[in-house]
């Protein structure tokens, strides 16, 4: 079992809804307790409310930071690199909630893009080779005909026609 990360106190919860519910509940509880403690200490209600709000904001910041920064805060650079053709980088996918599922989907997409890019490069190399071969043969025969090395006979013209037909099948 994975050790809890102090920056991600809600990481053990299985869904994002549950994590957000805990954040909201904690903020409300801190607000209510801080407000009543302030009133009991004799603070003005408005000052007690401001202090309670600030404490609630701090609690929300600490709890939500684990959801956003640890969850998907480091993601923005990955798609930019993927757009540039670097599919080797992956996003962190160690959360068990919807953000973790999204991270795993991003990683699967990157793997598929890498495979598609590899196949595309292979196809371009094969097509390039298959086109160069008949073009080179045509060029040699035409150079021989133009230079007078070979006379333009029917067999030579049939060979050239076969190469052109081969190119036409692509």
C-alpha atoms as a PDB file:
ATOM      1  CA  UNK A   1       0.000   0.000   0.000  1.00  0.00           C
ATOM      2  CA  UNK A   2       1.208   3.488  -0.846  1.00  0.00           C
ATOM      3  CA  UNK A   3       2.291   5.785   1.981  1.00  0.00           C
ATOM      4  CA  UNK A   4       0.106   8.887   2.424  1.00  0.00           C
ATOM      5  CA  UNK A   5       1.570  12.063   0.974  1.00  0.00           C
ATOM      6  CA  UNK A   6       1.301  15.024   3.390  1.00  0.00           C
ATOM      7  CA  UNK A   7       0.715  17.353   0.427  1.00  0.00           C
ATOM      8  CA  UNK A   8      -2.258  15.220  -0.616  1.00  0.00           C
ATOM      9  CA  UNK A   9      -4.312  14.526   2.534  1.00  0.00           C
ATOM     10  CA  UNK A  10      -7.437  13.524   0.592  1.00  0.00           C
ATOM     11  CA  UNK A  11      -5.672  11.128  -1.759  1.00  0.00           C
ATOM     12  CA  UNK A  12      -7.148   8.015  -0.143  1.00  0.00           C
ATOM     13  CA  UNK A  13     -10.695   9.085  -1.023  1.00  0.00           C
ATOM     14  CA  UNK A  14     -11.922   7.301  -4.173  1.00  0.00           C
ATOM     15  CA  UNK A  15     -13.828  10.079  -6.000  1.00  0.00           C
ATOM     16  CA  UNK A  16     -13.420  13.734  -6.747  1.00  0.00           C
ATOM     17  CA  UNK A  17     -16.967  14.433  -5.492  1.00  0.00           C
ATOM     18  CA  UNK A  18     -16.108  12.946  -2.128  1.00  0.00           C
ATOM     19  CA  UNK A  19     -12.896  14.964  -1.935  1.00  0.00           C
ATOM     20  CA  UNK A  20     -14.741  18.194  -2.737  1.00  0.00           C
ATOM     21  CA  UNK A  21     -17.449  17.320  -0.205  1.00  0.00           C
ATOM     22  CA  UNK A  22     -14.796  16.888   2.491  1.00  0.00           C
ATOM     23  CA  UNK A  23     -13.224  20.232   1.529  1.00  0.00           C
ATOM     24  CA  UNK A  24     -16.589  21.986   1.778  1.00  0.00           C
ATOM     25  CA  UNK A  25     -17.490  20.258   5.034  1.00  0.00           C
ATOM     26  CA  UNK A  26     -14.116  21.139   6.564  1.00  0.00           C
ATOM     27  CA  UNK A  27     -14.461  24.780   5.455  1.00  0.00           C
ATOM     28  CA  UNK A  28     -17.944  25.077   6.938  1.00  0.00           C
ATOM     29  CA  UNK A  29     -16.902  23.375  10.183  1.00  0.00           C
ATOM     30  CA  UNK A  30     -13.844  25.624  10.588  1.00  0.00           C
ATOM     31  CA  UNK A  31     -15.935  28.695   9.830  1.00  0.00           C
ATOM     32  CA  UNK A  32     -18.617  27.821  12.390  1.00  0.00           C
ATOM     33  CA  UNK A  33     -16.150  26.842  15.140  1.00  0.00           C
ATOM     34  CA  UNK A  34     -13.896  29.859  14.562  1.00  0.00           C
ATOM     35  CA  UNK A  35     -16.875  32.232  14.508  1.00  0.00           C
ATOM     36  CA  UNK A  36     -18.295  30.930  17.793  1.00  0.00           C
ATOM     37  CA  UNK A  37     -14.881  30.848  19.473  1.00  0.00           C
ATOM     38  CA  UNK A  38     -14.396  34.481  18.421  1.00  0.00           C
ATOM     39  CA  UNK A  39     -17.792  35.427  19.828  1.00  0.00           C
ATOM     40  CA  UNK A  40     -17.047  33.569  23.112  1.00  0.00           C
ATOM     41  CA  UNK A  41     -13.746  35.432  23.365  1.00  0.00           C
ATOM     42  CA  UNK A  42     -15.646  38.695  23.109  1.00  0.00           C
ATOM     43  CA  UNK A  43     -14.681  39.684  19.559  1.00  0.00           C
ATOM     44  CA  UNK A  44     -17.086  41.683  17.441  1.00  0.00           C
ATOM     45  CA  UNK A  45     -19.184  39.495  15.202  1.00  0.00           C
ATOM     46  CA  UNK A  46     -17.755  41.085  12.056  1.00  0.00           C
ATOM     47  CA  UNK A  47     -14.158  40.537  13.186  1.00  0.00           C
ATOM     48  CA  UNK A  48     -14.982  36.988  14.244  1.00  0.00           C
ATOM     49  CA  UNK A  49     -16.534  36.406  10.799  1.00  0.00           C
ATOM     50  CA  UNK A  50     -13.452  37.737   8.996  1.00  0.00           C
ATOM     51  CA  UNK A  51     -11.135  35.534  11.070  1.00  0.00           C
ATOM     52  CA  UNK A  52     -13.425  32.526  10.526  1.00  0.00           C
ATOM     53  CA  UNK A  53     -13.460  33.199   6.777  1.00  0.00           C
ATOM     54  CA  UNK A  54      -9.668  33.484   6.646  1.00  0.00           C
ATOM     55  CA  UNK A  55      -9.233  30.212   8.541  1.00  0.00           C
ATOM     56  CA  UNK A  56     -11.759  28.492   6.256  1.00  0.00           C
ATOM     57  CA  UNK A  57      -9.899  29.815   3.220  1.00  0.00           C
ATOM     58  CA  UNK A  58      -6.630  28.432   4.606  1.00  0.00           C
ATOM     59  CA  UNK A  59      -8.220  25.005   5.149  1.00  0.00           C
ATOM     60  CA  UNK A  60      -9.665  24.994   1.623  1.00  0.00           C
ATOM     61  CA  UNK A  61      -6.309  26.049   0.187  1.00  0.00           C
ATOM     62  CA  UNK A  62      -4.430  23.235   1.987  1.00  0.00           C
ATOM     63  CA  UNK A  63      -6.954  20.525   1.142  1.00  0.00           C
ATOM     64  CA  UNK A  64      -7.677  21.615  -2.435  1.00  0.00           C
ATOM     65  CA  UNK A  65      -3.989  22.032  -3.237  1.00  0.00           C
ATOM     66  CA  UNK A  66      -3.550  18.269  -2.948  1.00  0.00           C
ATOM     67  CA  UNK A  67      -6.364  17.758  -5.440  1.00  0.00           C
ATOM     68  CA  UNK A  68      -5.276  20.297  -8.033  1.00  0.00           C
ATOM     69  CA  UNK A  69      -1.495  20.650  -7.886  1.00  0.00           C
ATOM     70  CA  UNK A  70      -0.700  17.040  -7.084  1.00  0.00           C
ATOM     71  CA  UNK A  71      -3.505  15.787  -9.321  1.00  0.00           C
ATOM     72  CA  UNK A  72      -3.235  17.712 -12.573  1.00  0.00           C
ATOM     73  CA  UNK A  73      -1.153  20.805 -11.839  1.00  0.00           C
ATOM     74  CA  UNK A  74       1.879  19.463 -13.697  1.00  0.00           C
ATOM     75  CA  UNK A  75      -0.043  18.421 -16.797  1.00  0.00           C
ATOM     76  CA  UNK A  76      -0.161  21.542 -19.003  1.00  0.00           C
ATOM     77  CA  UNK A  77       3.272  21.056 -20.586  1.00  0.00           C
ATOM     78  CA  UNK A  78       2.627  17.446 -21.659  1.00  0.00           C
ATOM     79  CA  UNK A  79       0.115  18.109 -24.486  1.00  0.00           C
ATOM     80  CA  UNK A  80       2.379  20.894 -25.772  1.00  0.00           C
ATOM     81  CA  UNK A  81       5.244  18.422 -26.015  1.00  0.00           C
ATOM     82  CA  UNK A  82       2.935  15.852 -27.588  1.00  0.00           C
ATOM     83  CA  UNK A  83       1.910  18.410 -30.199  1.00  0.00           C
ATOM     84  CA  UNK A  84       5.616  18.750 -30.999  1.00  0.00           C
ATOM     85  CA  UNK A  85       5.937  14.988 -31.484  1.00  0.00           C
ATOM     86  CA  UNK A  86       7.505  14.066 -28.108  1.00  0.00           C
ATOM     87  CA  UNK A  87       5.196  11.333 -26.823  1.00  0.00           C
ATOM     88  CA  UNK A  88       7.690   9.945 -24.307  1.00  0.00           C
ATOM     89  CA  UNK A  89       6.532  12.139 -21.407  1.00  0.00           C
ATOM     90  CA  UNK A  90       3.618  10.922 -19.317  1.00  0.00           C
ATOM     91  CA  UNK A  91       1.409  12.553 -16.704  1.00  0.00           C
ATOM     92  CA  UNK A  92       1.364  11.366 -13.095  1.00  0.00           C
ATOM     93  CA  UNK A  93      -1.399   8.800 -12.736  1.00  0.00           C
ATOM     94  CA  UNK A  94      -1.232   7.724  -9.098  1.00  0.00           C
ATOM     95  CA  UNK A  95      -4.565   9.116  -7.892  1.00  0.00           C
ATOM     96  CA  UNK A  96      -7.492   6.702  -7.539  1.00  0.00           C
ATOM     97  CA  UNK A  97     -10.183   9.242  -8.429  1.00  0.00           C
ATOM     98  CA  UNK A  98     -11.462  10.655 -11.716  1.00  0.00           C
ATOM     99  CA  UNK A  99      -8.320  12.753 -12.141  1.00  0.00           C
ATOM    100  CA  UNK A 100      -6.213   9.580 -11.931  1.00  0.00           C
ATOM    101  CA  UNK A 101      -8.481   7.933 -14.506  1.00  0.00           C
ATOM    102  CA  UNK A 102      -8.064  10.981 -16.739  1.00  0.00           C
ATOM    103  CA  UNK A 103      -4.286  10.786 -16.294  1.00  0.00           C
ATOM    104  CA  UNK A 104      -4.302   7.124 -17.276  1.00  0.00           C
ATOM    105  CA  UNK A 105      -6.397   8.013 -20.346  1.00  0.00           C
ATOM    106  CA  UNK A 106      -3.913  10.754 -21.274  1.00  0.00           C
ATOM    107  CA  UNK A 107      -1.055   8.261 -20.976  1.00  0.00           C
ATOM    108  CA  UNK A 108      -2.890   5.692 -23.111  1.00  0.00           C
ATOM    109  CA  UNK A 109      -3.557   8.396 -25.692  1.00  0.00           C
ATOM    110  CA  UNK A 110       0.128   9.355 -25.709  1.00  0.00           C
ATOM    111  CA  UNK A 111       1.111   5.707 -26.241  1.00  0.00           C
ATOM    112  CA  UNK A 112      -1.362   5.407 -29.125  1.00  0.00           C
ATOM    113  CA  UNK A 113      -0.101   8.659 -30.640  1.00  0.00           C
ATOM    114  CA  UNK A 114       3.484   7.392 -30.392  1.00  0.00           C
ATOM    115  CA  UNK A 115       2.519   4.151 -32.149  1.00  0.00           C
ATOM    116  CA  UNK A 116       0.553   6.043 -34.817  1.00  0.00           C
ATOM    117  CA  UNK A 117       3.509   8.358 -35.375  1.00  0.00           C
ATOM    118  CA  UNK A 118       5.851   5.366 -35.712  1.00  0.00           C
ATOM    119  CA  UNK A 119       3.516   3.745 -38.259  1.00  0.00           C
ATOM    120  CA  UNK A 120       3.204   7.038 -40.155  1.00  0.00           C
ATOM    121  CA  UNK A 121       6.984   7.373 -40.391  1.00  0.00           C
ATOM    122  CA  UNK A 122       7.273   3.772 -41.544  1.00  0.00           C
ATOM    123  CA  UNK A 123       4.576   4.300 -44.183  1.00  0.00           C
ATOM    124  CA  UNK A 124       6.254   7.456 -45.494  1.00  0.00           C
ATOM    125  CA  UNK A 125       9.595   5.624 -45.710  1.00  0.00           C
ATOM    126  CA  UNK A 126       8.018   2.686 -47.570  1.00  0.00           C
ATOM    127  CA  UNK A 127       6.049   4.899 -49.967  1.00  0.00           C
ATOM    128  CA  UNK A 128       9.133   7.001 -50.617  1.00  0.00           C
ATOM    129  CA  UNK A 129      11.171   3.894 -51.403  1.00  0.00           C
ATOM    130  CA  UNK A 130       8.443   2.422 -53.606  1.00  0.00           C
ATOM    131  CA  UNK A 131       8.167   5.683 -55.572  1.00  0.00           C
ATOM    132  CA  UNK A 132      11.909   6.226 -55.951  1.00  0.00           C
ATOM    133  CA  UNK A 133      12.552   2.802 -57.477  1.00  0.00           C
ATOM    134  CA  UNK A 134      10.365   3.149 -60.610  1.00  0.00           C
ATOM    135  CA  UNK A 135      11.205   6.849 -60.981  1.00  0.00           C
ATOM    136  CA  UNK A 136      14.917   6.034 -60.937  1.00  0.00           C
ATOM    137  CA  UNK A 137      14.393   3.278 -63.535  1.00  0.00           C
ATOM    138  CA  UNK A 138      12.438   5.676 -65.776  1.00  0.00           C
ATOM    139  CA  UNK A 139      15.088   8.347 -65.374  1.00  0.00           C
ATOM    140  CA  UNK A 140      17.896   5.973 -66.400  1.00  0.00           C
ATOM    141  CA  UNK A 141      16.036   4.714 -69.482  1.00  0.00           C
ATOM    142  CA  UNK A 142      15.047   8.256 -70.524  1.00  0.00           C
ATOM    143  CA  UNK A 143      18.619   9.508 -70.079  1.00  0.00           C
ATOM    144  CA  UNK A 144      19.851   6.628 -72.252  1.00  0.00           C
ATOM    145  CA  UNK A 145      17.263   7.456 -74.926  1.00  0.00           C
ATOM    146  CA  UNK A 146      18.049  11.183 -74.859  1.00  0.00           C
ATOM    147  CA  UNK A 147      21.836  10.618 -74.932  1.00  0.00           C
ATOM    148  CA  UNK A 148      21.506   8.150 -77.812  1.00  0.00           C
ATOM    149  CA  UNK A 149      22.981   5.275 -75.797  1.00  0.00           C
ATOM    150  CA  UNK A 150      19.882   3.183 -76.587  1.00  0.00           C
ATOM    151  CA  UNK A 151      17.552   3.494 -79.551  1.00  0.00           C
ATOM    152  CA  UNK A 152      13.846   4.024 -78.768  1.00  0.00           C
ATOM    153  CA  UNK A 153      12.586   0.492 -79.438  1.00  0.00           C
ATOM    154  CA  UNK A 154       9.200  -1.007 -78.457  1.00  0.00           C
ATOM    155  CA  UNK A 155      10.688  -3.145 -75.644  1.00  0.00           C
ATOM    156  CA  UNK A 156      12.246  -0.099 -73.971  1.00  0.00           C
ATOM    157  CA  UNK A 157       9.015   1.857 -74.304  1.00  0.00           C
ATOM    158  CA  UNK A 158       7.039  -1.097 -72.851  1.00  0.00           C
ATOM    159  CA  UNK A 159       9.427  -1.166 -69.855  1.00  0.00           C
ATOM    160  CA  UNK A 160       8.897   2.544 -69.307  1.00  0.00           C
ATOM    161  CA  UNK A 161       5.118   2.100 -69.610  1.00  0.00           C
ATOM    162  CA  UNK A 162       5.211  -0.740 -67.037  1.00  0.00           C
ATOM    163  CA  UNK A 163       7.062   1.523 -64.582  1.00  0.00           C
ATOM    164  CA  UNK A 164       4.518   4.323 -65.110  1.00  0.00           C
ATOM    165  CA  UNK A 165       1.657   1.846 -64.606  1.00  0.00           C
ATOM    166  CA  UNK A 166       3.315   0.625 -61.423  1.00  0.00           C
ATOM    167  CA  UNK A 167       3.409   4.205 -60.162  1.00  0.00           C
ATOM    168  CA  UNK A 168      -0.254   4.608 -61.116  1.00  0.00           C
ATOM    169  CA  UNK A 169      -1.254   1.691 -58.878  1.00  0.00           C
ATOM    170  CA  UNK A 170      -0.089   3.620 -55.798  1.00  0.00           C
END
